[in-house]
Amino acid sequence: MPKFLRAASVAALCATPAFAGDEVMASMFGNTVVSTGGMSEVHTHYRSDHSFDMVGSRMGMSKTFKGTWALDGKGNLCRTFDGAAPPNTTNPLCTPVAAHKLGDTWTMSANGETRTVALKPGIQ
């Protein structure tokens, strides 16, 4: 289970360094970032009011995390979890971010795990 929850925190990021303004996040508002790998799937939803939620599922179990997000001006997306953060995850969790278009798919590696990430239309 800890590996699954670590994957949930990893899923919240978008692969490479990019822009300083909120426009890097614009395509994610009202849509779903889906991360798969390591026998888990995580759906993350970002909102323009700087809130987010992520729902991870693995082997029929699911866990939801919520909080707020901010860009640090250095190409990182920082998420601050309300309440408990996923195990082995710093709070706030800051990771590189890049702009993506709906339908984009990319891979990323973190914590020794490679995941496939996609930006899908709507809330899924």
C-alpha atoms as a PDB file:
ATOM      1  CA  MET A   1       0.000   0.000   0.000  1.00  0.00           C
ATOM      2  CA  PRO A   2       2.750   2.609   0.708  1.00  0.00           C
ATOM      3  CA  LYS A   3       4.070   2.237  -2.851  1.00  0.00           C
ATOM      4  CA  PHE A   4       0.548   2.915  -4.125  1.00  0.00           C
ATOM      5  CA  LEU A   5       0.250   6.060  -2.031  1.00  0.00           C
ATOM      6  CA  ARG A   6       3.684   7.219  -3.141  1.00  0.00           C
ATOM      7  CA  ALA A   7       2.441   6.765  -6.699  1.00  0.00           C
ATOM      8  CA  ALA A   8      -0.521   8.974  -5.849  1.00  0.00           C
ATOM      9  CA  SER A   9       1.787  11.807  -4.891  1.00  0.00           C
ATOM     10  CA  VAL A  10       3.904  11.296  -7.996  1.00  0.00           C
ATOM     11  CA  ALA A  11       0.826  11.383 -10.179  1.00  0.00           C
ATOM     12  CA  ALA A  12       0.111  14.941  -9.235  1.00  0.00           C
ATOM     13  CA  LEU A  13       2.994  16.287 -11.266  1.00  0.00           C
ATOM     14  CA  CYS A  14       3.487  17.029 -14.937  1.00  0.00           C
ATOM     15  CA  ALA A  15       6.867  16.082 -16.322  1.00  0.00           C
ATOM     16  CA  THR A  16       9.339  18.910 -17.038  1.00  0.00           C
ATOM     17  CA  PRO A  17      10.088  22.504 -16.001  1.00  0.00           C
ATOM     18  CA  ALA A  18       8.100  25.177 -17.805  1.00  0.00           C
ATOM     19  CA  PHE A  19       6.392  28.511 -17.167  1.00  0.00           C
ATOM     20  CA  ALA A  20       6.183  30.786 -14.143  1.00  0.00           C
ATOM     21  CA  GLY A  21       2.509  31.894 -14.485  1.00  0.00           C
ATOM     22  CA  ASP A  22      -0.703  30.027 -13.829  1.00  0.00           C
ATOM     23  CA  GLU A  23      -1.163  29.575 -17.609  1.00  0.00           C
ATOM     24  CA  VAL A  24       0.923  26.389 -17.363  1.00  0.00           C
ATOM     25  CA  MET A  25      -2.033  24.907 -15.446  1.00  0.00           C
ATOM     26  CA  ALA A  26      -4.878  26.286 -17.605  1.00  0.00           C
ATOM     27  CA  SER A  27      -5.425  23.140 -19.699  1.00  0.00           C
ATOM     28  CA  MET A  28      -5.787  21.068 -16.536  1.00  0.00           C
ATOM     29  CA  PHE A  29      -8.737  23.034 -15.119  1.00  0.00           C
ATOM     30  CA  GLY A  30     -11.938  21.021 -15.539  1.00  0.00           C
ATOM     31  CA  ASN A  31      -9.974  18.045 -16.857  1.00  0.00           C
ATOM     32  CA  THR A  32      -8.240  14.992 -15.393  1.00  0.00           C
ATOM     33  CA  VAL A  33      -4.558  14.096 -15.129  1.00  0.00           C
ATOM     34  CA  VAL A  34      -4.451  10.280 -15.156  1.00  0.00           C
ATOM     35  CA  SER A  35      -1.277   8.517 -14.014  1.00  0.00           C
ATOM     36  CA  THR A  36      -0.839   4.761 -14.367  1.00  0.00           C
ATOM     37  CA  GLY A  37       1.914   2.375 -13.397  1.00  0.00           C
ATOM     38  CA  GLY A  38       2.963   0.096 -10.561  1.00  0.00           C
ATOM     39  CA  MET A  39      -0.479  -1.537 -10.493  1.00  0.00           C
ATOM     40  CA  SER A  40      -2.196   1.745  -9.568  1.00  0.00           C
ATOM     41  CA  GLU A  41      -4.119   4.503 -11.293  1.00  0.00           C
ATOM     42  CA  VAL A  42      -4.420   8.037  -9.965  1.00  0.00           C
ATOM     43  CA  HIS A  43      -6.845  10.719 -11.182  1.00  0.00           C
ATOM     44  CA  THR A  44      -5.913  14.302 -10.262  1.00  0.00           C
ATOM     45  CA  HIS A  45      -8.160  17.343 -10.727  1.00  0.00           C
ATOM     46  CA  TYR A  46      -6.780  20.883 -10.549  1.00  0.00           C
ATOM     47  CA  ARG A  47      -9.027  23.939 -10.228  1.00  0.00           C
ATOM     48  CA  SER A  48      -8.415  27.597 -11.068  1.00  0.00           C
ATOM     49  CA  ASP A  49      -9.106  28.516  -7.415  1.00  0.00           C
ATOM     50  CA  HIS A  50      -5.810  26.725  -6.591  1.00  0.00           C
ATOM     51  CA  SER A  51      -7.430  23.642  -5.058  1.00  0.00           C
ATOM     52  CA  PHE A  52      -6.896  20.048  -6.164  1.00  0.00           C
ATOM     53  CA  ASP A  53      -7.961  16.530  -5.357  1.00  0.00           C
ATOM     54  CA  MET A  54      -6.473  13.189  -6.319  1.00  0.00           C
ATOM     55  CA  VAL A  55      -8.067   9.763  -6.150  1.00  0.00           C
ATOM     56  CA  GLY A  56      -5.803   6.738  -6.349  1.00  0.00           C
ATOM     57  CA  SER A  57      -6.976   3.175  -6.842  1.00  0.00           C
ATOM     58  CA  ARG A  58      -5.176  -0.126  -6.585  1.00  0.00           C
ATOM     59  CA  MET A  59      -6.559  -3.623  -6.331  1.00  0.00           C
ATOM     60  CA  GLY A  60     -10.098  -2.411  -5.636  1.00  0.00           C
ATOM     61  CA  MET A  61      -9.086   0.071  -2.937  1.00  0.00           C
ATOM     62  CA  SER A  62      -9.098   3.845  -3.319  1.00  0.00           C
ATOM     63  CA  LYS A  63      -7.850   6.823  -1.333  1.00  0.00           C
ATOM     64  CA  THR A  64      -8.572  10.532  -1.825  1.00  0.00           C
ATOM     65  CA  PHE A  65      -6.251  13.431  -0.992  1.00  0.00           C
ATOM     66  CA  LYS A  66      -7.127  17.127  -1.207  1.00  0.00           C
ATOM     67  CA  GLY A  67      -5.343  20.414  -0.844  1.00  0.00           C
ATOM     68  CA  THR A  68      -4.131  23.556  -2.558  1.00  0.00           C
ATOM     69  CA  TRP A  69      -1.582  24.114  -5.314  1.00  0.00           C
ATOM     70  CA  ALA A  70       0.786  26.978  -6.190  1.00  0.00           C
ATOM     71  CA  LEU A  71       3.570  27.606  -8.674  1.00  0.00           C
ATOM     72  CA  ASP A  72       6.840  28.573  -7.006  1.00  0.00           C
ATOM     73  CA  GLY A  73       8.210  30.695  -9.869  1.00  0.00           C
ATOM     74  CA  LYS A  74      11.073  28.211 -10.388  1.00  0.00           C
ATOM     75  CA  GLY A  75       9.187  25.791 -12.680  1.00  0.00           C
ATOM     76  CA  ASN A  76       7.681  23.738  -9.860  1.00  0.00           C
ATOM     77  CA  LEU A  77       4.123  22.880  -8.944  1.00  0.00           C
ATOM     78  CA  CYS A  78       3.762  22.749  -5.159  1.00  0.00           C
ATOM     79  CA  ARG A  79       0.843  20.915  -3.593  1.00  0.00           C
ATOM     80  CA  THR A  80      -0.025  21.380   0.073  1.00  0.00           C
ATOM     81  CA  PHE A  81      -2.192  18.546   1.354  1.00  0.00           C
ATOM     82  CA  ASP A  82      -5.058  19.227   3.769  1.00  0.00           C
ATOM     83  CA  GLY A  83      -4.708  16.748   6.593  1.00  0.00           C
ATOM     84  CA  ALA A  84      -2.547  13.715   5.932  1.00  0.00           C
ATOM     85  CA  ALA A  85      -0.313  13.604   2.872  1.00  0.00           C
ATOM     86  CA  PRO A  86       0.359  10.316   1.099  1.00  0.00           C
ATOM     87  CA  PRO A  87       3.000   8.253   2.985  1.00  0.00           C
ATOM     88  CA  ASN A  88       6.625   9.096   2.178  1.00  0.00           C
ATOM     89  CA  THR A  89       5.494  12.415   0.690  1.00  0.00           C
ATOM     90  CA  THR A  90       6.669  15.828   1.829  1.00  0.00           C
ATOM     91  CA  ASN A  91       4.039  18.434   2.576  1.00  0.00           C
ATOM     92  CA  PRO A  92       4.155  20.581   0.554  1.00  0.00           C
ATOM     93  CA  LEU A  93       5.170  18.396  -2.390  1.00  0.00           C
ATOM     94  CA  CYS A  94       6.954  20.414  -5.100  1.00  0.00           C
ATOM     95  CA  THR A  95       7.721  18.872  -8.496  1.00  0.00           C
ATOM     96  CA  PRO A  96       8.596  20.178 -11.976  1.00  0.00           C
ATOM     97  CA  VAL A  97       5.596  21.147 -14.123  1.00  0.00           C
ATOM     98  CA  ALA A  98       5.038  21.628 -17.864  1.00  0.00           C
ATOM     99  CA  ALA A  99       2.110  22.794 -19.961  1.00  0.00           C
ATOM    100  CA  HIS A 100       0.214  20.043 -21.793  1.00  0.00           C
ATOM    101  CA  LYS A 101      -2.704  19.924 -24.213  1.00  0.00           C
ATOM    102  CA  LEU A 102      -5.781  17.734 -23.883  1.00  0.00           C
ATOM    103  CA  GLY A 103      -4.945  14.295 -25.227  1.00  0.00           C
ATOM    104  CA  ASP A 104      -1.213  14.566 -24.459  1.00  0.00           C
ATOM    105  CA  THR A 105       0.443  11.472 -22.998  1.00  0.00           C
ATOM    106  CA  TRP A 106       3.928  11.433 -21.495  1.00  0.00           C
ATOM    107  CA  THR A 107       6.049   9.345 -19.157  1.00  0.00           C
ATOM    108  CA  MET A 108       7.747  10.383 -15.977  1.00  0.00           C
ATOM    109  CA  SER A 109       9.985   8.746 -13.422  1.00  0.00           C
ATOM    110  CA  ALA A 110      10.042   9.370  -9.695  1.00  0.00           C
ATOM    111  CA  ASN A 111      10.914   7.296  -6.652  1.00  0.00           C
ATOM    112  CA  GLY A 112      12.388   4.630  -8.956  1.00  0.00           C
ATOM    113  CA  GLU A 113       9.067   4.137 -10.745  1.00  0.00           C
ATOM    114  CA  THR A 114       8.110   5.064 -14.309  1.00  0.00           C
ATOM    115  CA  ARG A 115       4.503   6.127 -14.863  1.00  0.00           C
ATOM    116  CA  THR A 116       2.437   6.992 -17.902  1.00  0.00           C
ATOM    117  CA  VAL A 117       0.559  10.259 -17.533  1.00  0.00           C
ATOM    118  CA  ALA A 118      -2.261  11.589 -19.733  1.00  0.00           C
ATOM    119  CA  LEU A 119      -4.361  14.747 -19.763  1.00  0.00           C
ATOM    120  CA  LYS A 120      -7.954  13.653 -20.417  1.00  0.00           C
ATOM    121  CA  PRO A 121     -11.005  15.815 -21.052  1.00  0.00           C
ATOM    122  CA  GLY A 122     -13.572  16.310 -18.301  1.00  0.00           C
ATOM    123  CA  ILE A 123     -13.679  15.060 -14.746  1.00  0.00           C
ATOM    124  CA  GLN A 124     -13.076  11.319 -14.670  1.00  0.00           C
END
